[in-house]
Amino acid sequence: MMKLYTNPSCHYCKRIKEFLNQNNIEFEEVVAGENEKEWNELIRITGIGMTPTLVFQEEIWLPNRDFRNPEELVARINHFKDNPMRPLMLEEKVEQAHNSVKNLTLLLNQLTETVRQVNTKLDSKNFTQTTNPEVAPQQ
């Protein structure tokens, strides 16, 4: 059975729980603050303590990383119920981690390029405004 780690003050946790119940998806709720040893182990593995966190078929799913809204979470759960993930061997886990680092590098490179392009446009606008004062800044 999947586990859903929650926090009583988390409104998004409440929304996720309601949506899972509406879609007849069974889960065990684990309140993070009442299960600190288990919660701390999840934080150690993921590097982030964020609720709601879902543990399903040996995978840990975090909001905004693995699902963006309750509908997407339910669709993902249903997909993997119909197509279960097999447990990974150690070598596969290492390869998965390696690919994750490569994906992160790609995303950081893309972000760096986007920031460079924005800075170039801003520099160009500033240059135009300082060299041609009649040009009114666009709003």
C-alpha atoms as a PDB file:
ATOM      1  CA  MET A   1       0.000   0.000   0.000  1.00  0.00           C
ATOM      2  CA  MET A   2       1.241   3.483  -0.744  1.00  0.00           C
ATOM      3  CA  LYS A   3       2.127   5.885   2.035  1.00  0.00           C
ATOM      4  CA  LEU A   4       1.246   9.554   2.000  1.00  0.00           C
ATOM      5  CA  TYR A   5       3.364  11.730   4.296  1.00  0.00           C
ATOM      6  CA  THR A   6       1.449  14.795   5.413  1.00  0.00           C
ATOM      7  CA  ASN A   7       1.532  17.732   7.772  1.00  0.00           C
ATOM      8  CA  PRO A   8      -1.675  18.817   9.586  1.00  0.00           C
ATOM      9  CA  SER A   9      -1.175  22.476   8.618  1.00  0.00           C
ATOM     10  CA  CYS A  10      -0.590  21.636   4.927  1.00  0.00           C
ATOM     11  CA  HIS A  11      -3.625  22.665   2.858  1.00  0.00           C
ATOM     12  CA  TYR A  12      -2.252  20.935  -0.238  1.00  0.00           C
ATOM     13  CA  CYS A  13      -1.986  17.679   1.758  1.00  0.00           C
ATOM     14  CA  LYS A  14      -5.681  17.968   2.604  1.00  0.00           C
ATOM     15  CA  ARG A  15      -6.530  18.572  -1.051  1.00  0.00           C
ATOM     16  CA  ILE A  16      -4.469  15.558  -2.173  1.00  0.00           C
ATOM     17  CA  LYS A  17      -6.061  13.298   0.469  1.00  0.00           C
ATOM     18  CA  GLU A  18      -9.573  14.388  -0.569  1.00  0.00           C
ATOM     19  CA  PHE A  19      -8.795  13.771  -4.235  1.00  0.00           C
ATOM     20  CA  LEU A  20      -7.293  10.339  -3.557  1.00  0.00           C
ATOM     21  CA  ASN A  21     -10.375   9.398  -1.514  1.00  0.00           C
ATOM     22  CA  GLN A  22     -12.734  10.703  -4.232  1.00  0.00           C
ATOM     23  CA  ASN A  23     -10.906   8.479  -6.728  1.00  0.00           C
ATOM     24  CA  ASN A  24     -11.015   5.423  -4.436  1.00  0.00           C
ATOM     25  CA  ILE A  25      -7.241   5.219  -4.126  1.00  0.00           C
ATOM     26  CA  GLU A  26      -6.177   3.561  -0.906  1.00  0.00           C
ATOM     27  CA  PHE A  27      -3.266   5.005   1.027  1.00  0.00           C
ATOM     28  CA  GLU A  28      -1.806   5.012   4.489  1.00  0.00           C
ATOM     29  CA  GLU A  29      -1.441   8.508   5.901  1.00  0.00           C
ATOM     30  CA  VAL A  30       1.730   9.133   7.874  1.00  0.00           C
ATOM     31  CA  VAL A  31       1.848  12.427   9.751  1.00  0.00           C
ATOM     32  CA  ALA A  32       5.455  13.560   9.408  1.00  0.00           C
ATOM     33  CA  GLY A  33       5.720  15.194  12.839  1.00  0.00           C
ATOM     34  CA  GLU A  34       4.377  12.093  14.581  1.00  0.00           C
ATOM     35  CA  ASN A  35       6.781   9.750  12.761  1.00  0.00           C
ATOM     36  CA  GLU A  36      10.044  11.662  12.892  1.00  0.00           C
ATOM     37  CA  LYS A  37      12.392   8.693  12.407  1.00  0.00           C
ATOM     38  CA  GLU A  38      10.604   7.601   9.216  1.00  0.00           C
ATOM     39  CA  TRP A  39      10.233  11.213   8.003  1.00  0.00           C
ATOM     40  CA  ASN A  40      13.910  11.986   8.652  1.00  0.00           C
ATOM     41  CA  GLU A  41      14.895   8.936   6.573  1.00  0.00           C
ATOM     42  CA  LEU A  42      12.806  10.246   3.661  1.00  0.00           C
ATOM     43  CA  ILE A  43      14.449  13.652   3.980  1.00  0.00           C
ATOM     44  CA  ARG A  44      17.864  11.971   3.966  1.00  0.00           C
ATOM     45  CA  ILE A  45      16.998  10.107   0.753  1.00  0.00           C
ATOM     46  CA  THR A  46      15.297  12.963  -1.118  1.00  0.00           C
ATOM     47  CA  GLY A  47      17.284  15.867   0.265  1.00  0.00           C
ATOM     48  CA  ILE A  48      14.083  17.813   0.876  1.00  0.00           C
ATOM     49  CA  GLY A  49      11.309  17.684   3.446  1.00  0.00           C
ATOM     50  CA  MET A  50       8.169  18.580   1.561  1.00  0.00           C
ATOM     51  CA  THR A  51       4.602  17.450   2.109  1.00  0.00           C
ATOM     52  CA  PRO A  52       2.671  15.791   0.684  1.00  0.00           C
ATOM     53  CA  THR A  53       5.260  13.134  -0.136  1.00  0.00           C
ATOM     54  CA  LEU A  54       4.099   9.817  -1.538  1.00  0.00           C
ATOM     55  CA  VAL A  55       5.957   6.497  -1.376  1.00  0.00           C
ATOM     56  CA  PHE A  56       4.674   4.105  -4.042  1.00  0.00           C
ATOM     57  CA  GLN A  57       6.316   0.964  -5.462  1.00  0.00           C
ATOM     58  CA  GLU A  58       9.750   1.827  -3.999  1.00  0.00           C
ATOM     59  CA  GLU A  59       9.577   5.337  -5.495  1.00  0.00           C
ATOM     60  CA  ILE A  60       9.308   8.623  -3.631  1.00  0.00           C
ATOM     61  CA  TRP A  61       7.149  11.254  -5.315  1.00  0.00           C
ATOM     62  CA  LEU A  62       7.341  14.919  -4.364  1.00  0.00           C
ATOM     63  CA  PRO A  63       4.977  17.749  -5.328  1.00  0.00           C
ATOM     64  CA  ASN A  64       6.149  19.983  -8.187  1.00  0.00           C
ATOM     65  CA  ARG A  65       8.836  17.439  -9.056  1.00  0.00           C
ATOM     66  CA  ASP A  66       6.773  14.318  -9.758  1.00  0.00           C
ATOM     67  CA  PHE A  67       3.247  15.733  -9.862  1.00  0.00           C
ATOM     68  CA  ARG A  68       1.882  19.258 -10.229  1.00  0.00           C
ATOM     69  CA  ASN A  69      -1.706  18.787  -9.099  1.00  0.00           C
ATOM     70  CA  PRO A  70      -4.038  16.136  -7.654  1.00  0.00           C
ATOM     71  CA  GLU A  71      -5.327  15.125 -11.090  1.00  0.00           C
ATOM     72  CA  GLU A  72      -1.821  14.466 -12.375  1.00  0.00           C
ATOM     73  CA  LEU A  73      -0.982  12.466  -9.242  1.00  0.00           C
ATOM     74  CA  VAL A  74      -4.058  10.246  -9.641  1.00  0.00           C
ATOM     75  CA  ALA A  75      -3.269   9.694 -13.335  1.00  0.00           C
ATOM     76  CA  ARG A  76       0.302   8.724 -12.432  1.00  0.00           C
ATOM     77  CA  ILE A  77      -0.840   6.355  -9.670  1.00  0.00           C
ATOM     78  CA  ASN A  78      -3.349   4.689 -11.995  1.00  0.00           C
ATOM     79  CA  HIS A  79      -0.720   4.328 -14.713  1.00  0.00           C
ATOM     80  CA  PHE A  80       1.710   2.582 -12.386  1.00  0.00           C
ATOM     81  CA  LYS A  81      -1.031   0.424 -10.853  1.00  0.00           C
ATOM     82  CA  ASP A  82      -1.697  -0.882 -14.369  1.00  0.00           C
ATOM     83  CA  ASN A  83       2.021  -0.956 -15.265  1.00  0.00           C
ATOM     84  CA  PRO A  84       3.933  -1.712 -12.049  1.00  0.00           C
ATOM     85  CA  MET A  85       7.560  -0.730 -11.787  1.00  0.00           C
ATOM     86  CA  ARG A  86       9.913  -3.590 -11.084  1.00  0.00           C
ATOM     87  CA  PRO A  87      12.432  -3.106  -8.287  1.00  0.00           C
ATOM     88  CA  LEU A  88      15.756  -1.803  -9.575  1.00  0.00           C
ATOM     89  CA  MET A  89      19.051  -3.581  -9.038  1.00  0.00           C
ATOM     90  CA  LEU A  90      21.896  -1.587  -7.486  1.00  0.00           C
ATOM     91  CA  GLU A  91      23.580  -1.031 -10.877  1.00  0.00           C
ATOM     92  CA  GLU A  92      20.329   0.310 -12.301  1.00  0.00           C
ATOM     93  CA  LYS A  93      19.922   2.680  -9.362  1.00  0.00           C
ATOM     94  CA  VAL A  94      23.428   4.006  -9.960  1.00  0.00           C
ATOM     95  CA  GLU A  95      22.637   4.469 -13.670  1.00  0.00           C
ATOM     96  CA  GLN A  96      19.380   6.206 -12.750  1.00  0.00           C
ATOM     97  CA  ALA A  97      21.239   8.595 -10.432  1.00  0.00           C
ATOM     98  CA  HIS A  98      23.838   9.251 -13.129  1.00  0.00           C
ATOM     99  CA  ASN A  99      21.121  10.079 -15.666  1.00  0.00           C
ATOM    100  CA  SER A 100      19.411  12.348 -13.144  1.00  0.00           C
ATOM    101  CA  VAL A 101      22.644  14.313 -12.738  1.00  0.00           C
ATOM    102  CA  LYS A 102      22.982  14.578 -16.526  1.00  0.00           C
ATOM    103  CA  ASN A 103      19.368  15.789 -16.792  1.00  0.00           C
ATOM    104  CA  LEU A 104      19.976  18.357 -14.076  1.00  0.00           C
ATOM    105  CA  THR A 105      23.091  19.559 -15.899  1.00  0.00           C
ATOM    106  CA  LEU A 106      21.059  19.960 -19.086  1.00  0.00           C
ATOM    107  CA  LEU A 107      18.394  21.977 -17.279  1.00  0.00           C
ATOM    108  CA  LEU A 108      20.996  24.201 -15.614  1.00  0.00           C
ATOM    109  CA  ASN A 109      22.668  24.824 -18.970  1.00  0.00           C
ATOM    110  CA  GLN A 110      19.307  25.760 -20.493  1.00  0.00           C
ATOM    111  CA  LEU A 111      18.569  28.082 -17.583  1.00  0.00           C
ATOM    112  CA  THR A 112      21.995  29.716 -17.911  1.00  0.00           C
ATOM    113  CA  GLU A 113      21.390  30.335 -21.618  1.00  0.00           C
ATOM    114  CA  THR A 114      17.948  31.814 -20.929  1.00  0.00           C
ATOM    115  CA  VAL A 115      19.383  34.165 -18.300  1.00  0.00           C
ATOM    116  CA  ARG A 116      22.146  35.186 -20.728  1.00  0.00           C
ATOM    117  CA  GLN A 117      19.554  35.987 -23.423  1.00  0.00           C
ATOM    118  CA  VAL A 118      17.431  38.021 -20.996  1.00  0.00           C
ATOM    119  CA  ASN A 119      20.504  39.955 -19.832  1.00  0.00           C
ATOM    120  CA  THR A 120      21.490  40.654 -23.453  1.00  0.00           C
ATOM    121  CA  LYS A 121      18.011  42.032 -24.173  1.00  0.00           C
ATOM    122  CA  LEU A 122      18.047  44.142 -21.033  1.00  0.00           C
ATOM    123  CA  ASP A 123      21.508  45.486 -21.836  1.00  0.00           C
ATOM    124  CA  SER A 124      20.367  46.301 -25.360  1.00  0.00           C
ATOM    125  CA  LYS A 125      17.288  48.198 -24.084  1.00  0.00           C
ATOM    126  CA  ASN A 126      19.367  50.098 -21.537  1.00  0.00           C
ATOM    127  CA  PHE A 127      21.914  51.016 -24.222  1.00  0.00           C
ATOM    128  CA  THR A 128      19.134  52.251 -26.533  1.00  0.00           C
ATOM    129  CA  GLN A 129      17.561  54.348 -23.790  1.00  0.00           C
ATOM    130  CA  THR A 130      20.843  55.947 -22.695  1.00  0.00           C
ATOM    131  CA  THR A 131      22.009  56.722 -26.240  1.00  0.00           C
ATOM    132  CA  ASN A 132      18.620  57.839 -27.564  1.00  0.00           C
ATOM    133  CA  PRO A 133      16.719  59.695 -24.807  1.00  0.00           C
ATOM    134  CA  GLU A 134      13.765  60.474 -27.124  1.00  0.00           C
ATOM    135  CA  VAL A 135      12.835  56.803 -27.138  1.00  0.00           C
ATOM    136  CA  ALA A 136      10.329  56.319 -24.378  1.00  0.00           C
ATOM    137  CA  PRO A 137      10.612  53.112 -22.399  1.00  0.00           C
ATOM    138  CA  GLN A 138       7.929  50.609 -23.327  1.00  0.00           C
ATOM    139  CA  GLN A 139       5.599  49.566 -20.569  1.00  0.00           C
END
